[in-house]
């Protein structure tokens, strides 16, 4: 995969699409629920993951693709939702 060294060298919508795909396909992250935005030349990550390690992996993966970009990692670490009551099928 080719690297983009400056976020400004690629139209923002293409960079966002490329980063989303990379995060979804990278086995370290495999994240579909994280949003990516470009604001004023800054790559912003937003969403929720289950632990701090996953949050850091997201940032590391983005940094590999755009090493010179400023990255704001606003991803929140939350606890997984507890399953609801079981349903009885009849």
PDB file of N, CA and C in Angstrom:
ATOM      1  N   UNK A   1       0.854  -1.172   0.000  1.00  0.00           N
ATOM      2  CA  UNK A   1       0.000   0.000   0.000  1.00  0.00           C
ATOM      3  C   UNK A   1       0.895   1.228   0.000  1.00  0.00           C
ATOM      4  N   UNK A   2       0.618   2.157  -0.871  1.00  0.00           N
ATOM      5  CA  UNK A   2       1.435   3.363  -0.933  1.00  0.00           C
ATOM      6  C   UNK A   2       1.132   4.270   0.248  1.00  0.00           C
ATOM      7  N   UNK A   3       2.120   5.047   0.618  1.00  0.00           N
ATOM      8  CA  UNK A   3       1.954   5.956   1.754  1.00  0.00           C
ATOM      9  C   UNK A   3       1.653   7.352   1.254  1.00  0.00           C
ATOM     10  N   UNK A   4       0.840   8.054   1.999  1.00  0.00           N
ATOM     11  CA  UNK A   4       0.604   9.467   1.749  1.00  0.00           C
ATOM     12  C   UNK A   4       1.337  10.208   2.846  1.00  0.00           C
ATOM     13  N   UNK A   5       2.301  11.033   2.481  1.00  0.00           N
ATOM     14  CA  UNK A   5       3.134  11.675   3.494  1.00  0.00           C
ATOM     15  C   UNK A   5       2.553  12.956   4.044  1.00  0.00           C
ATOM     16  N   UNK A   6       1.645  13.569   3.327  1.00  0.00           N
ATOM     17  CA  UNK A   6       1.015  14.780   3.833  1.00  0.00           C
ATOM     18  C   UNK A   6      -0.474  14.676   3.590  1.00  0.00           C
ATOM     19  N   UNK A   7      -1.307  14.940   4.624  1.00  0.00           N
ATOM     20  CA  UNK A   7      -2.740  14.849   4.417  1.00  0.00           C
ATOM     21  C   UNK A   7      -3.237  15.796   3.346  1.00  0.00           C
ATOM     22  N   UNK A   8      -2.546  16.908   3.108  1.00  0.00           N
ATOM     23  CA  UNK A   8      -2.985  17.869   2.115  1.00  0.00           C
ATOM     24  C   UNK A   8      -2.721  17.443   0.677  1.00  0.00           C
ATOM     25  N   UNK A   9      -1.925  16.393   0.470  1.00  0.00           N
ATOM     26  CA  UNK A   9      -1.591  15.978  -0.885  1.00  0.00           C
ATOM     27  C   UNK A   9      -2.670  15.110  -1.517  1.00  0.00           C
ATOM     28  N   UNK A  10      -3.639  14.667  -0.759  1.00  0.00           N
ATOM     29  CA  UNK A  10      -4.741  13.842  -1.236  1.00  0.00           C
ATOM     30  C   UNK A  10      -6.033  14.536  -0.846  1.00  0.00           C
ATOM     31  N   UNK A  11      -7.023  14.582  -1.741  1.00  0.00           N
ATOM     32  CA  UNK A  11      -8.303  15.178  -1.336  1.00  0.00           C
ATOM     33  C   UNK A  11      -8.821  14.507  -0.058  1.00  0.00           C
ATOM     34  N   UNK A  12      -9.348  15.287   0.883  1.00  0.00           N
ATOM     35  CA  UNK A  12      -9.756  14.737   2.183  1.00  0.00           C
ATOM     36  C   UNK A  12     -10.685  13.533   2.084  1.00  0.00           C
ATOM     37  N   UNK A  13     -11.665  13.577   1.171  1.00  0.00           N
ATOM     38  CA  UNK A  13     -12.608  12.463   1.101  1.00  0.00           C
ATOM     39  C   UNK A  13     -11.919  11.171   0.674  1.00  0.00           C
ATOM     40  N   UNK A  14     -10.886  11.264  -0.166  1.00  0.00           N
ATOM     41  CA  UNK A  14     -10.153  10.067  -0.580  1.00  0.00           C
ATOM     42  C   UNK A  14      -9.278   9.545   0.546  1.00  0.00           C
ATOM     43  N   UNK A  15      -8.652  10.457   1.261  1.00  0.00           N
ATOM     44  CA  UNK A  15      -7.823  10.049   2.389  1.00  0.00           C
ATOM     45  C   UNK A  15      -8.676   9.379   3.454  1.00  0.00           C
ATOM     46  N   UNK A  16      -9.828   9.947   3.768  1.00  0.00           N
ATOM     47  CA  UNK A  16     -10.729   9.357   4.764  1.00  0.00           C
ATOM     48  C   UNK A  16     -11.145   7.957   4.327  1.00  0.00           C
ATOM     49  N   UNK A  17     -11.533   7.798   3.067  1.00  0.00           N
ATOM     50  CA  UNK A  17     -11.956   6.483   2.571  1.00  0.00           C
ATOM     51  C   UNK A  17     -10.813   5.478   2.661  1.00  0.00           C
ATOM     52  N   UNK A  18      -9.624   5.923   2.308  1.00  0.00           N
ATOM     53  CA  UNK A  18      -8.463   5.025   2.370  1.00  0.00           C
ATOM     54  C   UNK A  18      -8.149   4.608   3.801  1.00  0.00           C
ATOM     55  N   UNK A  19      -8.219   5.558   4.731  1.00  0.00           N
ATOM     56  CA  UNK A  19      -7.945   5.241   6.129  1.00  0.00           C
ATOM     57  C   UNK A  19      -9.015   4.313   6.699  1.00  0.00           C
ATOM     58  N   UNK A  20     -10.283   4.568   6.386  1.00  0.00           N
ATOM     59  CA  UNK A  20     -11.361   3.691   6.869  1.00  0.00           C
ATOM     60  C   UNK A  20     -11.146   2.259   6.397  1.00  0.00           C
ATOM     61  N   UNK A  21     -10.840   2.130   5.122  1.00  0.00           N
ATOM     62  CA  UNK A  21     -10.629   0.790   4.571  1.00  0.00           C
ATOM     63  C   UNK A  21      -9.431   0.122   5.241  1.00  0.00           C
ATOM     64  N   UNK A  22      -8.352   0.863   5.406  1.00  0.00           N
ATOM     65  CA  UNK A  22      -7.152   0.303   6.025  1.00  0.00           C
ATOM     66  C   UNK A  22      -7.427  -0.169   7.447  1.00  0.00           C
ATOM     67  N   UNK A  23      -8.171   0.621   8.222  1.00  0.00           N
ATOM     68  CA  UNK A  23      -8.480   0.225   9.597  1.00  0.00           C
ATOM     69  C   UNK A  23      -9.385  -0.992   9.629  1.00  0.00           C
ATOM     70  N   UNK A  24     -10.311  -1.087   8.680  1.00  0.00           N
ATOM     71  CA  UNK A  24     -11.218  -2.234   8.632  1.00  0.00           C
ATOM     72  C   UNK A  24     -10.479  -3.508   8.234  1.00  0.00           C
ATOM     73  N   UNK A  25      -9.478  -3.380   7.360  1.00  0.00           N
ATOM     74  CA  UNK A  25      -8.777  -4.555   6.845  1.00  0.00           C
ATOM     75  C   UNK A  25      -7.545  -4.945   7.657  1.00  0.00           C
ATOM     76  N   UNK A  26      -7.031  -4.037   8.460  1.00  0.00           N
ATOM     77  CA  UNK A  26      -5.829  -4.320   9.243  1.00  0.00           C
ATOM     78  C   UNK A  26      -6.193  -5.240  10.402  1.00  0.00           C
ATOM     79  N   UNK A  27      -5.567  -6.426  10.506  1.00  0.00           N
ATOM     80  CA  UNK A  27      -5.920  -7.350  11.590  1.00  0.00           C
ATOM     81  C   UNK A  27      -5.631  -6.788  12.980  1.00  0.00           C
ATOM     82  N   UNK A  28      -4.767  -5.781  13.084  1.00  0.00           N
ATOM     83  CA  UNK A  28      -4.500  -5.178  14.395  1.00  0.00           C
ATOM     84  C   UNK A  28      -5.659  -4.325  14.865  1.00  0.00           C
ATOM     85  N   UNK A  29      -6.425  -3.809  13.920  1.00  0.00           N
ATOM     86  CA  UNK A  29      -7.507  -2.895  14.293  1.00  0.00           C
ATOM     87  C   UNK A  29      -8.871  -3.467  13.961  1.00  0.00           C
ATOM     88  N   UNK A  30      -9.066  -3.913  12.730  1.00  0.00           N
ATOM     89  CA  UNK A  30     -10.342  -4.484  12.266  1.00  0.00           C
ATOM     90  C   UNK A  30     -11.529  -3.691  12.805  1.00  0.00           C
ATOM     91  N   UNK A  31     -11.454  -2.376  12.688  1.00  0.00           N
ATOM     92  CA  UNK A  31     -12.493  -1.504  13.233  1.00  0.00           C
ATOM     93  C   UNK A  31     -13.357  -0.923  12.132  1.00  0.00           C
ATOM     94  N   UNK A  32     -14.656  -1.103  12.258  1.00  0.00           N
ATOM     95  CA  UNK A  32     -15.599  -0.496  11.331  1.00  0.00           C
ATOM     96  C   UNK A  32     -16.347   0.655  11.990  1.00  0.00           C
ATOM     97  N   UNK A  33     -16.399   0.679  13.313  1.00  0.00           N
ATOM     98  CA  UNK A  33     -17.201   1.662  14.020  1.00  0.00           C
ATOM     99  C   UNK A  33     -16.480   2.939  14.400  1.00  0.00           C
ATOM    100  N   UNK A  34     -15.265   3.115  13.943  1.00  0.00           N
ATOM    101  CA  UNK A  34     -14.516   4.324  14.262  1.00  0.00           C
ATOM    102  C   UNK A  34     -14.674   5.301  13.104  1.00  0.00           C
ATOM    103  N   UNK A  35     -15.000   6.536  13.435  1.00  0.00           N
ATOM    104  CA  UNK A  35     -15.163   7.564  12.411  1.00  0.00           C
ATOM    105  C   UNK A  35     -13.836   8.292  12.218  1.00  0.00           C
ATOM    106  N   UNK A  36     -13.605   8.690  10.976  1.00  0.00           N
ATOM    107  CA  UNK A  36     -12.397   9.431  10.627  1.00  0.00           C
ATOM    108  C   UNK A  36     -12.829  10.704   9.919  1.00  0.00           C
ATOM    109  N   UNK A  37     -12.274  11.823  10.351  1.00  0.00           N
ATOM    110  CA  UNK A  37     -12.571  13.121   9.748  1.00  0.00           C
ATOM    111  C   UNK A  37     -11.250  13.839   9.510  1.00  0.00           C
ATOM    112  N   UNK A  38     -11.255  14.744   8.563  1.00  0.00           N
ATOM    113  CA  UNK A  38     -10.115  15.640   8.360  1.00  0.00           C
ATOM    114  C   UNK A  38     -10.623  17.036   8.692  1.00  0.00           C
ATOM    115  N   UNK A  39     -10.032  17.649   9.714  1.00  0.00           N
ATOM    116  CA  UNK A  39     -10.427  19.002  10.122  1.00  0.00           C
ATOM    117  C   UNK A  39      -9.190  19.884  10.120  1.00  0.00           C
ATOM    118  N   UNK A  40      -9.174  20.840   9.215  1.00  0.00           N
ATOM    119  CA  UNK A  40      -8.041  21.764   9.151  1.00  0.00           C
ATOM    120  C   UNK A  40      -6.715  21.060   8.948  1.00  0.00           C
ATOM    121  N   UNK A  41      -6.704  19.994   8.161  1.00  0.00           N
ATOM    122  CA  UNK A  41      -5.480  19.254   7.909  1.00  0.00           C
ATOM    123  C   UNK A  41      -5.107  18.266   8.996  1.00  0.00           C
ATOM    124  N   UNK A  42      -5.952  18.126  10.018  1.00  0.00           N
ATOM    125  CA  UNK A  42      -5.701  17.201  11.120  1.00  0.00           C
ATOM    126  C   UNK A  42      -6.593  15.978  10.943  1.00  0.00           C
ATOM    127  N   UNK A  43      -6.013  14.789  11.082  1.00  0.00           N
ATOM    128  CA  UNK A  43      -6.790  13.557  11.036  1.00  0.00           C
ATOM    129  C   UNK A  43      -7.388  13.348  12.424  1.00  0.00           C
ATOM    130  N   UNK A  44      -8.718  13.271  12.487  1.00  0.00           N
ATOM    131  CA  UNK A  44      -9.417  13.109  13.760  1.00  0.00           C
ATOM    132  C   UNK A  44     -10.064  11.731  13.787  1.00  0.00           C
ATOM    133  N   UNK A  45      -9.745  10.957  14.819  1.00  0.00           N
ATOM    134  CA  UNK A  45     -10.357   9.651  15.042  1.00  0.00           C
ATOM    135  C   UNK A  45     -11.396   9.806  16.135  1.00  0.00           C
ATOM    136  N   UNK A  46     -12.577   9.239  15.922  1.00  0.00           N
ATOM    137  CA  UNK A  46     -13.660   9.360  16.893  1.00  0.00           C
ATOM    138  C   UNK A  46     -14.419   8.045  16.927  1.00  0.00           C
ATOM    139  N   UNK A  47     -15.007   7.738  18.055  1.00  0.00           N
ATOM    140  CA  UNK A  47     -15.776   6.512  18.198  1.00  0.00           C
ATOM    141  C   UNK A  47     -15.506   5.897  19.556  1.00  0.00           C
ATOM    142  N   UNK A  48     -15.743   4.601  19.659  1.00  0.00           N
ATOM    143  CA  UNK A  48     -15.550   3.917  20.931  1.00  0.00           C
ATOM    144  C   UNK A  48     -14.975   2.533  20.685  1.00  0.00           C
ATOM    145  N   UNK A  49     -14.017   2.161  21.517  1.00  0.00           N
ATOM    146  CA  UNK A  49     -13.425   0.824  21.488  1.00  0.00           C
ATOM    147  C   UNK A  49     -13.460   0.252  22.898  1.00  0.00           C
ATOM    148  N   UNK A  50     -13.134  -1.028  23.021  1.00  0.00           N
ATOM    149  CA  UNK A  50     -13.280  -1.698  24.312  1.00  0.00           C
ATOM    150  C   UNK A  50     -12.096  -1.536  25.249  1.00  0.00           C
ATOM    151  N   UNK A  51     -10.916  -1.146  24.721  1.00  0.00           N
ATOM    152  CA  UNK A  51      -9.781  -0.979  25.631  1.00  0.00           C
ATOM    153  C   UNK A  51      -8.756   0.005  25.058  1.00  0.00           C
ATOM    154  N   UNK A  52      -7.864   0.451  25.925  1.00  0.00           N
ATOM    155  CA  UNK A  52      -6.870   1.460  25.548  1.00  0.00           C
ATOM    156  C   UNK A  52      -5.894   0.936  24.500  1.00  0.00           C
ATOM    157  N   UNK A  53      -5.613  -0.353  24.517  1.00  0.00           N
ATOM    158  CA  UNK A  53      -4.697  -0.928  23.530  1.00  0.00           C
ATOM    159  C   UNK A  53      -5.268  -0.793  22.117  1.00  0.00           C
ATOM    160  N   UNK A  54      -6.566  -1.049  21.961  1.00  0.00           N
ATOM    161  CA  UNK A  54      -7.200  -0.910  20.643  1.00  0.00           C
ATOM    162  C   UNK A  54      -7.171   0.553  20.191  1.00  0.00           C
ATOM    163  N   UNK A  55      -7.387   1.468  21.132  1.00  0.00           N
ATOM    164  CA  UNK A  55      -7.329   2.894  20.803  1.00  0.00           C
ATOM    165  C   UNK A  55      -5.946   3.254  20.264  1.00  0.00           C
ATOM    166  N   UNK A  56      -4.904   2.781  20.931  1.00  0.00           N
ATOM    167  CA  UNK A  56      -3.540   3.083  20.500  1.00  0.00           C
ATOM    168  C   UNK A  56      -3.221   2.419  19.166  1.00  0.00           C
ATOM    169  N   UNK A  57      -3.713   1.202  18.952  1.00  0.00           N
ATOM    170  CA  UNK A  57      -3.478   0.514  17.675  1.00  0.00           C
ATOM    171  C   UNK A  57      -4.068   1.302  16.508  1.00  0.00           C
ATOM    172  N   UNK A  58      -5.237   1.900  16.734  1.00  0.00           N
ATOM    173  CA  UNK A  58      -5.852   2.717  15.686  1.00  0.00           C
ATOM    174  C   UNK A  58      -4.938   3.871  15.302  1.00  0.00           C
ATOM    175  N   UNK A  59      -4.463   4.568  16.308  1.00  0.00           N
ATOM    176  CA  UNK A  59      -3.586   5.710  16.041  1.00  0.00           C
ATOM    177  C   UNK A  59      -2.295   5.266  15.366  1.00  0.00           C
ATOM    178  N   UNK A  60      -1.723   4.155  15.823  1.00  0.00           N
ATOM    179  CA  UNK A  60      -0.489   3.649  15.222  1.00  0.00           C
ATOM    180  C   UNK A  60      -0.693   3.311  13.746  1.00  0.00           C
ATOM    181  N   UNK A  61      -1.816   2.668  13.428  1.00  0.00           N
ATOM    182  CA  UNK A  61      -2.097   2.284  12.041  1.00  0.00           C
ATOM    183  C   UNK A  61      -2.257   3.518  11.158  1.00  0.00           C
ATOM    184  N   UNK A  62      -2.952   4.537  11.660  1.00  0.00           N
ATOM    185  CA  UNK A  62      -3.122   5.769  10.886  1.00  0.00           C
ATOM    186  C   UNK A  62      -1.768   6.452  10.700  1.00  0.00           C
ATOM    187  N   UNK A  63      -0.961   6.469  11.740  1.00  0.00           N
ATOM    188  CA  UNK A  63       0.351   7.122  11.661  1.00  0.00           C
ATOM    189  C   UNK A  63       1.249   6.434  10.625  1.00  0.00           C
ATOM    190  N   UNK A  64       1.122   5.114  10.471  1.00  0.00           N
ATOM    191  CA  UNK A  64       1.903   4.408   9.451  1.00  0.00           C
ATOM    192  C   UNK A  64       1.513   4.870   8.044  1.00  0.00           C
ATOM    193  N   UNK A  65       0.232   5.167   7.847  1.00  0.00           N
ATOM    194  CA  UNK A  65      -0.251   5.576   6.528  1.00  0.00           C
ATOM    195  C   UNK A  65       0.011   7.044   6.230  1.00  0.00           C
ATOM    196  N   UNK A  66      -0.067   7.886   7.241  1.00  0.00           N
ATOM    197  CA  UNK A  66       0.178   9.324   7.074  1.00  0.00           C
ATOM    198  C   UNK A  66       1.130   9.782   8.184  1.00  0.00           C
ATOM    199  N   UNK A  67       2.410   9.414   8.059  1.00  0.00           N
ATOM    200  CA  UNK A  67       3.357   9.645   9.148  1.00  0.00           C
ATOM    201  C   UNK A  67       3.582  11.107   9.507  1.00  0.00           C
ATOM    202  N   UNK A  68       3.362  12.015   8.569  1.00  0.00           N
ATOM    203  CA  UNK A  68       3.606  13.428   8.858  1.00  0.00           C
ATOM    204  C   UNK A  68       2.358  14.180   9.293  1.00  0.00           C
ATOM    205  N   UNK A  69       1.238  13.476   9.369  1.00  0.00           N
ATOM    206  CA  UNK A  69      -0.025  14.132   9.719  1.00  0.00           C
ATOM    207  C   UNK A  69      -0.129  14.358  11.221  1.00  0.00           C
ATOM    208  N   UNK A  70      -0.822  15.429  11.576  1.00  0.00           N
ATOM    209  CA  UNK A  70      -1.220  15.615  12.974  1.00  0.00           C
ATOM    210  C   UNK A  70      -2.452  14.757  13.179  1.00  0.00           C
ATOM    211  N   UNK A  71      -2.486  14.006  14.266  1.00  0.00           N
ATOM    212  CA  UNK A  71      -3.597  13.094  14.546  1.00  0.00           C
ATOM    213  C   UNK A  71      -4.162  13.427  15.913  1.00  0.00           C
ATOM    214  N   UNK A  72      -5.470  13.617  15.964  1.00  0.00           N
ATOM    215  CA  UNK A  72      -6.167  13.770  17.242  1.00  0.00           C
ATOM    216  C   UNK A  72      -6.975  12.503  17.452  1.00  0.00           C
ATOM    217  N   UNK A  73      -6.613  11.741  18.457  1.00  0.00           N
ATOM    218  CA  UNK A  73      -7.297  10.488  18.748  1.00  0.00           C
ATOM    219  C   UNK A  73      -8.342  10.757  19.827  1.00  0.00           C
ATOM    220  N   UNK A  74      -9.582  10.976  19.395  1.00  0.00           N
ATOM    221  CA  UNK A  74     -10.681  11.258  20.313  1.00  0.00           C
ATOM    222  C   UNK A  74     -11.521  10.010  20.580  1.00  0.00           C
ATOM    223  N   UNK A  75     -10.971   8.844  20.264  1.00  0.00           N
ATOM    224  CA  UNK A  75     -11.676   7.583  20.488  1.00  0.00           C
ATOM    225  C   UNK A  75     -11.813   7.373  21.993  1.00  0.00           C
ATOM    226  N   UNK A  76     -13.001   6.996  22.411  1.00  0.00           N
ATOM    227  CA  UNK A  76     -13.276   6.744  23.820  1.00  0.00           C
ATOM    228  C   UNK A  76     -13.143   5.253  24.119  1.00  0.00           C
ATOM    229  N   UNK A  77     -12.672   4.960  25.320  1.00  0.00           N
ATOM    230  CA  UNK A  77     -12.582   3.574  25.768  1.00  0.00           C
ATOM    231  C   UNK A  77     -13.808   3.315  26.629  1.00  0.00           C
ATOM    232  N   UNK A  78     -14.615   2.360  26.207  1.00  0.00           N
ATOM    233  CA  UNK A  78     -15.833   2.022  26.942  1.00  0.00           C
ATOM    234  C   UNK A  78     -15.844   0.551  27.281  1.00  0.00           C
ATOM    235  N   UNK A  79     -16.807   0.179  28.055  1.00  0.00           N
ATOM    236  CA  UNK A  79     -16.964  -1.235  28.378  1.00  0.00           C
ATOM    237  C   UNK A  79     -17.972  -1.839  27.418  1.00  0.00           C
ATOM    238  N   UNK A  80     -17.762  -3.080  27.035  1.00  0.00           N
ATOM    239  CA  UNK A  80     -18.718  -3.702  26.126  1.00  0.00           C
ATOM    240  C   UNK A  80     -20.100  -3.766  26.758  1.00  0.00           C
ATOM    241  N   UNK A  81     -21.091  -3.592  25.930  1.00  0.00           N
ATOM    242  CA  UNK A  81     -22.468  -3.656  26.425  1.00  0.00           C
ATOM    243  C   UNK A  81     -22.768  -5.058  26.934  1.00  0.00           C
ATOM    244  N   UNK A  82     -23.446  -5.105  28.038  1.00  0.00           N
ATOM    245  CA  UNK A  82     -23.856  -6.391  28.586  1.00  0.00           C
ATOM    246  C   UNK A  82     -25.030  -6.918  27.780  1.00  0.00           C
ATOM    247  N   UNK A  83     -25.077  -8.221  27.573  1.00  0.00           N
ATOM    248  CA  UNK A  83     -26.216  -8.759  26.830  1.00  0.00           C
ATOM    249  C   UNK A  83     -27.510  -8.550  27.604  1.00  0.00           C
ATOM    250  N   UNK A  84     -28.564  -8.334  26.858  1.00  0.00           N
ATOM    251  CA  UNK A  84     -29.875  -8.165  27.479  1.00  0.00           C
ATOM    252  C   UNK A  84     -30.411  -9.503  27.967  1.00  0.00           C
ATOM    253  N   UNK A  85     -31.619  -9.489  28.492  1.00  0.00           N
ATOM    254  CA  UNK A  85     -32.194 -10.746  28.971  1.00  0.00           C
ATOM    255  C   UNK A  85     -32.375 -11.716  27.804  1.00  0.00           C
ATOM    256  N   UNK A  86     -32.275 -12.987  28.115  1.00  0.00           N
ATOM    257  CA  UNK A  86     -32.421 -13.986  27.059  1.00  0.00           C
ATOM    258  C   UNK A  86     -33.866 -14.037  26.586  1.00  0.00           C
ATOM    259  N   UNK A  87     -34.009 -14.365  25.323  1.00  0.00           N
ATOM    260  CA  UNK A  87     -35.342 -14.475  24.748  1.00  0.00           C
ATOM    261  C   UNK A  87     -35.681 -15.944  24.590  1.00  0.00           C
ATOM    262  N   UNK A  88     -36.912 -16.256  24.838  1.00  0.00           N
ATOM    263  CA  UNK A  88     -37.357 -17.631  24.665  1.00  0.00           C
ATOM    264  C   UNK A  88     -38.094 -17.718  23.338  1.00  0.00           C
ATOM    265  N   UNK A  89     -37.592 -18.579  22.467  1.00  0.00           N
ATOM    266  CA  UNK A  89     -38.226 -18.765  21.169  1.00  0.00           C
ATOM    267  C   UNK A  89     -39.270 -19.860  21.276  1.00  0.00           C
ATOM    268  N   UNK A  90     -40.416 -19.616  20.713  1.00  0.00           N
ATOM    269  CA  UNK A  90     -41.497 -20.620  20.767  1.00  0.00           C
ATOM    270  C   UNK A  90     -41.872 -21.046  19.396  1.00  0.00           C
TER     271      UNK A  90
END
